[in-house]
PDB file of N, CA and C in Angstrom:
ATOM      1  N   MET A   1       2.566  30.015  24.173  1.00  0.00           N
ATOM      2  CA  MET A   1       1.644  28.980  24.048  1.00  0.00           C
ATOM      3  C   MET A   1       1.641  28.344  25.303  1.00  0.00           C
ATOM      4  N   SER A   2       0.337  27.530  25.534  1.00  0.00           N
ATOM      5  CA  SER A   2       0.029  26.983  26.790  1.00  0.00           C
ATOM      6  C   SER A   2       0.850  25.720  26.640  1.00  0.00           C
ATOM      7  N   GLU A   3       0.660  24.735  27.523  1.00  0.00           N
ATOM      8  CA  GLU A   3       1.159  23.595  27.771  1.00  0.00           C
ATOM      9  C   GLU A   3       0.451  22.773  26.571  1.00  0.00           C
ATOM     10  N   VAL A   4      -0.932  22.806  26.795  1.00  0.00           N
ATOM     11  CA  VAL A   4      -1.938  22.238  26.141  1.00  0.00           C
ATOM     12  C   VAL A   4      -1.881  22.202  24.403  1.00  0.00           C
ATOM     13  N   ALA A   5      -1.438  23.556  24.196  1.00  0.00           N
ATOM     14  CA  ALA A   5      -1.483  23.876  22.773  1.00  0.00           C
ATOM     15  C   ALA A   5       0.180  23.240  22.175  1.00  0.00           C
ATOM     16  N   THR A   6       0.946  23.122  23.009  1.00  0.00           N
ATOM     17  CA  THR A   6       2.255  22.712  22.899  1.00  0.00           C
ATOM     18  C   THR A   6       2.179  21.025  22.635  1.00  0.00           C
ATOM     19  N   VAL A   7       1.259  20.413  23.340  1.00  0.00           N
ATOM     20  CA  VAL A   7       1.295  18.989  23.328  1.00  0.00           C
ATOM     21  C   VAL A   7       0.640  18.731  22.113  1.00  0.00           C
ATOM     22  N   VAL A   8      -0.702  19.446  21.689  1.00  0.00           N
ATOM     23  CA  VAL A   8      -1.280  19.101  20.570  1.00  0.00           C
ATOM     24  C   VAL A   8      -0.664  19.373  19.150  1.00  0.00           C
ATOM     25  N   ALA A   9       0.157  20.721  19.291  1.00  0.00           N
ATOM     26  CA  ALA A   9       0.844  20.904  18.084  1.00  0.00           C
ATOM     27  C   ALA A   9       1.842  19.589  18.044  1.00  0.00           C
ATOM     28  N   GLY A  10       2.483  19.264  18.993  1.00  0.00           N
ATOM     29  CA  GLY A  10       3.390  18.192  18.855  1.00  0.00           C
ATOM     30  C   GLY A  10       2.771  17.040  18.133  1.00  0.00           C
ATOM     31  N   TRP A  11       1.620  16.441  18.645  1.00  0.00           N
ATOM     32  CA  TRP A  11       0.794  15.344  18.155  1.00  0.00           C
ATOM     33  C   TRP A  11       0.620  15.500  16.731  1.00  0.00           C
ATOM     34  N   GLY A  12       0.030  16.884  16.517  1.00  0.00           N
ATOM     35  CA  GLY A  12      -0.445  17.152  15.164  1.00  0.00           C
ATOM     36  C   GLY A  12       0.922  16.908  14.123  1.00  0.00           C
ATOM     37  N   ILE A  13       2.193  17.369  14.534  1.00  0.00           N
ATOM     38  CA  ILE A  13       3.304  17.454  13.572  1.00  0.00           C
ATOM     39  C   ILE A  13       3.476  15.936  13.691  1.00  0.00           C
ATOM     40  N   THR A  14       3.689  15.105  14.472  1.00  0.00           N
ATOM     41  CA  THR A  14       4.074  13.825  14.523  1.00  0.00           C
ATOM     42  C   THR A  14       3.160  13.199  13.702  1.00  0.00           C
ATOM     43  N   PHE A  15       1.633  13.158  13.623  1.00  0.00           N
ATOM     44  CA  PHE A  15       0.818  12.727  12.919  1.00  0.00           C
ATOM     45  C   PHE A  15       1.026  12.819  11.386  1.00  0.00           C
ATOM     46  N   VAL A  16       1.244  13.993  10.950  1.00  0.00           N
ATOM     47  CA  VAL A  16       1.516  14.498   9.610  1.00  0.00           C
ATOM     48  C   VAL A  16       2.683  13.793   9.134  1.00  0.00           C
ATOM     49  N   LEU A  17       3.928  13.866   9.959  1.00  0.00           N
ATOM     50  CA  LEU A  17       4.890  13.229   9.531  1.00  0.00           C
ATOM     51  C   LEU A  17       5.031  11.657   9.096  1.00  0.00           C
ATOM     52  N   LEU A  18       4.147  11.175  10.101  1.00  0.00           N
ATOM     53  CA  LEU A  18       4.060   9.502  10.250  1.00  0.00           C
ATOM     54  C   LEU A  18       3.104   9.301   8.789  1.00  0.00           C
ATOM     55  N   ALA A  19       2.278   9.897   8.665  1.00  0.00           N
ATOM     56  CA  ALA A  19       1.088   9.919   7.476  1.00  0.00           C
ATOM     57  C   ALA A  19       1.999  10.116   6.163  1.00  0.00           C
ATOM     58  N   THR A  20       2.900  11.101   6.147  1.00  0.00           N
ATOM     59  CA  THR A  20       3.591  11.183   5.263  1.00  0.00           C
ATOM     60  C   THR A  20       4.595  10.343   4.688  1.00  0.00           C
ATOM     61  N   TYR A  21       5.273   9.878   5.633  1.00  0.00           N
ATOM     62  CA  TYR A  21       6.225   8.638   5.549  1.00  0.00           C
ATOM     63  C   TYR A  21       5.799   7.359   5.128  1.00  0.00           C
ATOM     64  N   SER A  22       4.581   7.258   5.911  1.00  0.00           N
ATOM     65  CA  SER A  22       3.734   5.960   5.507  1.00  0.00           C
ATOM     66  C   SER A  22       3.338   6.008   3.753  1.00  0.00           C
ATOM     67  N   MET A  23       2.999   7.245   3.432  1.00  0.00           N
ATOM     68  CA  MET A  23       2.342   7.147   1.849  1.00  0.00           C
ATOM     69  C   MET A  23       3.773   7.111   1.200  1.00  0.00           C
ATOM     70  N   TRP A  24       4.761   7.522   1.562  1.00  0.00           N
ATOM     71  CA  TRP A  24       6.286   7.592   0.978  1.00  0.00           C
ATOM     72  C   TRP A  24       6.596   5.946   0.913  1.00  0.00           C
ATOM     73  N   VAL A  25       6.419   5.191   1.859  1.00  0.00           N
ATOM     74  CA  VAL A  25       6.994   3.786   1.963  1.00  0.00           C
ATOM     75  C   VAL A  25       5.857   3.045   0.913  1.00  0.00           C
ATOM     76  N   VAL A  26       4.629   3.316   0.972  1.00  0.00           N
ATOM     77  CA  VAL A  26       3.798   2.328   0.241  1.00  0.00           C
ATOM     78  C   VAL A  26       3.887   2.451  -1.345  1.00  0.00           C
ATOM     79  N   LEU A  27       4.151   4.075  -1.755  1.00  0.00           N
ATOM     80  CA  LEU A  27       4.332   4.273  -3.101  1.00  0.00           C
ATOM     81  C   LEU A  27       5.702   3.682  -3.627  1.00  0.00           C
ATOM     82  N   ARG A  28       6.829   3.944  -2.760  1.00  0.00           N
ATOM     83  CA  ARG A  28       8.120   3.270  -3.164  1.00  0.00           C
ATOM     84  C   ARG A  28       8.012   1.823  -3.292  1.00  0.00           C
ATOM     85  N   GLY A  29       7.304   1.178  -2.500  1.00  0.00           N
ATOM     86  CA  GLY A  29       7.289  -0.257  -2.558  1.00  0.00           C
ATOM     87  C   GLY A  29       6.421  -0.601  -3.939  1.00  0.00           C
ATOM     88  N   LYS A  30       5.308   0.162  -4.171  1.00  0.00           N
ATOM     89  CA  LYS A  30       4.641  -0.029  -5.374  1.00  0.00           C
ATOM     90  C   LYS A  30       5.713   0.137  -6.862  1.00  0.00           C
ATOM     91  N   ASN A  31       6.467   1.138  -6.479  1.00  0.00           N
ATOM     92  CA  ASN A  31       7.393   1.609  -7.594  1.00  0.00           C
ATOM     93  C   ASN A  31       8.401   0.317  -7.888  1.00  0.00           C
ATOM     94  N   ILE A  32       8.804  -0.160  -6.729  1.00  0.00           N
ATOM     95  CA  ILE A  32       9.913  -1.006  -6.715  1.00  0.00           C
ATOM     96  C   ILE A  32       9.192  -2.584  -7.312  1.00  0.00           C
ATOM     97  N   GLY A  33       8.075  -2.799  -6.726  1.00  0.00           N
ATOM     98  CA  GLY A  33       7.427  -3.992  -7.405  1.00  0.00           C
ATOM     99  C   GLY A  33       7.263  -3.943  -8.805  1.00  0.00           C
ATOM    100  N   GLN A  34       6.769  -2.653  -9.165  1.00  0.00           N
ATOM    101  CA  GLN A  34       6.276  -2.608 -10.879  1.00  0.00           C
ATOM    102  C   GLN A  34       7.836  -2.725 -11.444  1.00  0.00           C
ATOM    103  N   GLU A  35       8.835  -2.353 -10.918  1.00  0.00           N
ATOM    104  CA  GLU A  35      10.177  -2.588 -11.790  1.00  0.00           C
ATOM    105  C   GLU A  35      10.662  -4.020 -11.653  1.00  0.00           C
ATOM    106  N   LEU A  36      10.205  -4.591 -10.596  1.00  0.00           N
ATOM    107  CA  LEU A  36      10.747  -6.037 -10.570  1.00  0.00           C
ATOM    108  C   LEU A  36       9.689  -7.276 -11.146  1.00  0.00           C
ATOM    109  N   GLY A  37       8.296  -6.373 -11.552  1.00  0.00           N
ATOM    110  CA  GLY A  37       7.394  -7.285 -11.986  1.00  0.00           C
ATOM    111  C   GLY A  37       6.698  -8.088 -10.962  1.00  0.00           C
ATOM    112  N   ILE A  38       6.588  -7.647  -9.586  1.00  0.00           N
ATOM    113  CA  ILE A  38       5.939  -8.056  -8.681  1.00  0.00           C
ATOM    114  C   ILE A  38       4.504  -7.525  -8.615  1.00  0.00           C
ATOM    115  N   GLY A  39       3.189  -8.383  -8.366  1.00  0.00           N
ATOM    116  CA  GLY A  39       2.018  -8.006  -8.013  1.00  0.00           C
ATOM    117  C   GLY A  39       1.323  -7.133  -9.383  1.00  0.00           C
ATOM    118  N   GLU A  40       1.729  -7.731 -10.492  1.00  0.00           N
ATOM    119  CA  GLU A  40       1.039  -7.199 -11.577  1.00  0.00           C
ATOM    120  C   GLU A  40      -0.106  -7.908 -11.973  1.00  0.00           C
ATOM    121  N   ILE A  41      -1.280  -7.108 -12.318  1.00  0.00           N
ATOM    122  CA  ILE A  41      -2.560  -8.052 -12.492  1.00  0.00           C
ATOM    123  C   ILE A  41      -2.424  -8.642 -13.971  1.00  0.00           C
ATOM    124  N   GLN A  42      -2.681  -9.756 -13.827  1.00  0.00           N
ATOM    125  CA  GLN A  42      -2.715 -10.748 -15.120  1.00  0.00           C
ATOM    126  C   GLN A  42      -3.993 -11.031 -15.554  1.00  0.00           C
ATOM    127  N   ASP A  43      -4.112 -10.816 -16.761  1.00  0.00           N
ATOM    128  CA  ASP A  43      -5.213 -11.004 -17.488  1.00  0.00           C
ATOM    129  C   ASP A  43      -5.451 -12.573 -17.607  1.00  0.00           C
ATOM    130  N   SER A  44      -6.590 -13.155 -17.022  1.00  0.00           N
ATOM    131  CA  SER A  44      -6.708 -14.587 -16.975  1.00  0.00           C
ATOM    132  C   SER A  44      -7.640 -15.071 -18.077  1.00  0.00           C
ATOM    133  N   ASP A  45      -7.143 -16.414 -18.492  1.00  0.00           N
ATOM    134  CA  ASP A  45      -7.820 -16.698 -19.682  1.00  0.00           C
ATOM    135  C   ASP A  45      -9.400 -17.361 -19.434  1.00  0.00           C
ATOM    136  N   PRO A  46     -10.283 -16.873 -19.916  1.00  0.00           N
ATOM    137  CA  PRO A  46     -11.446 -17.361 -19.195  1.00  0.00           C
ATOM    138  C   PRO A  46     -11.945 -19.045 -19.793  1.00  0.00           C
ATOM    139  N   GLY A  47     -11.141 -19.377 -20.758  1.00  0.00           N
ATOM    140  CA  GLY A  47     -11.335 -20.837 -21.339  1.00  0.00           C
ATOM    141  C   GLY A  47     -10.259 -21.661 -20.368  1.00  0.00           C
ATOM    142  N   LYS A  48      -9.421 -21.151 -19.463  1.00  0.00           N
ATOM    143  CA  LYS A  48      -8.400 -22.041 -18.556  1.00  0.00           C
ATOM    144  C   LYS A  48      -8.706 -21.829 -17.168  1.00  0.00           C
ATOM    145  N   ASP A  49      -9.376 -22.719 -16.756  1.00  0.00           N
ATOM    146  CA  ASP A  49      -9.543 -22.537 -15.322  1.00  0.00           C
ATOM    147  C   ASP A  49      -8.671 -23.710 -14.491  1.00  0.00           C
ATOM    148  N   ALA A  50      -8.270 -23.340 -13.619  1.00  0.00           N
ATOM    149  CA  ALA A  50      -7.181 -24.446 -13.315  1.00  0.00           C
ATOM    150  C   ALA A  50      -7.876 -25.062 -12.148  1.00  0.00           C
ATOM    151  N   GLY A  51      -9.005 -24.662 -11.517  1.00  0.00           N
ATOM    152  CA  GLY A  51      -9.685 -25.364 -10.303  1.00  0.00           C
ATOM    153  C   GLY A  51     -10.792 -26.063 -11.080  1.00  0.00           C
ATOM    154  N   ALA A  52     -11.124 -26.129 -12.281  1.00  0.00           N
ATOM    155  CA  ALA A  52     -12.252 -26.952 -12.915  1.00  0.00           C
ATOM    156  C   ALA A  52     -11.686 -28.440 -13.184  1.00  0.00           C
ATOM    157  N   THR A  53     -12.665 -29.067 -12.406  1.00  0.00           N
ATOM    158  CA  THR A  53     -12.521 -30.637 -12.751  1.00  0.00           C
ATOM    159  C   THR A  53     -13.317 -31.191 -14.100  1.00  0.00           C
ATOM    160  N   THR A  54     -13.270 -32.201 -14.577  1.00  0.00           N
ATOM    161  CA  THR A  54     -13.767 -32.949 -15.626  1.00  0.00           C
ATOM    162  C   THR A  54     -14.364 -34.072 -15.014  1.00  0.00           C
ATOM    163  N   ASP A  55     -15.359 -34.687 -15.543  1.00  0.00           N
ATOM    164  CA  ASP A  55     -15.983 -35.960 -15.236  1.00  0.00           C
ATOM    165  C   ASP A  55     -15.740 -36.990 -16.160  1.00  0.00           C
ATOM    166  N   SER A  56     -14.769 -36.840 -17.168  1.00  0.00           N
ATOM    167  CA  SER A  56     -14.559 -37.768 -18.089  1.00  0.00           C
ATOM    168  C   SER A  56     -13.978 -39.251 -17.921  1.00  0.00           C
TER     169      SER A  56
END
């Protein structure tokens, strides 16, 4: 294998490993967040708007 092919193969393997590890970290973080109840989407009550003000 030539030097160029070796470098390209090395960069390719490195990219695949980093992408795989990054996806694992993100998925693991989501799982931990779900277990702790962090980042859950909450249903908002349309009748209750904390930012609304009244003129009474």
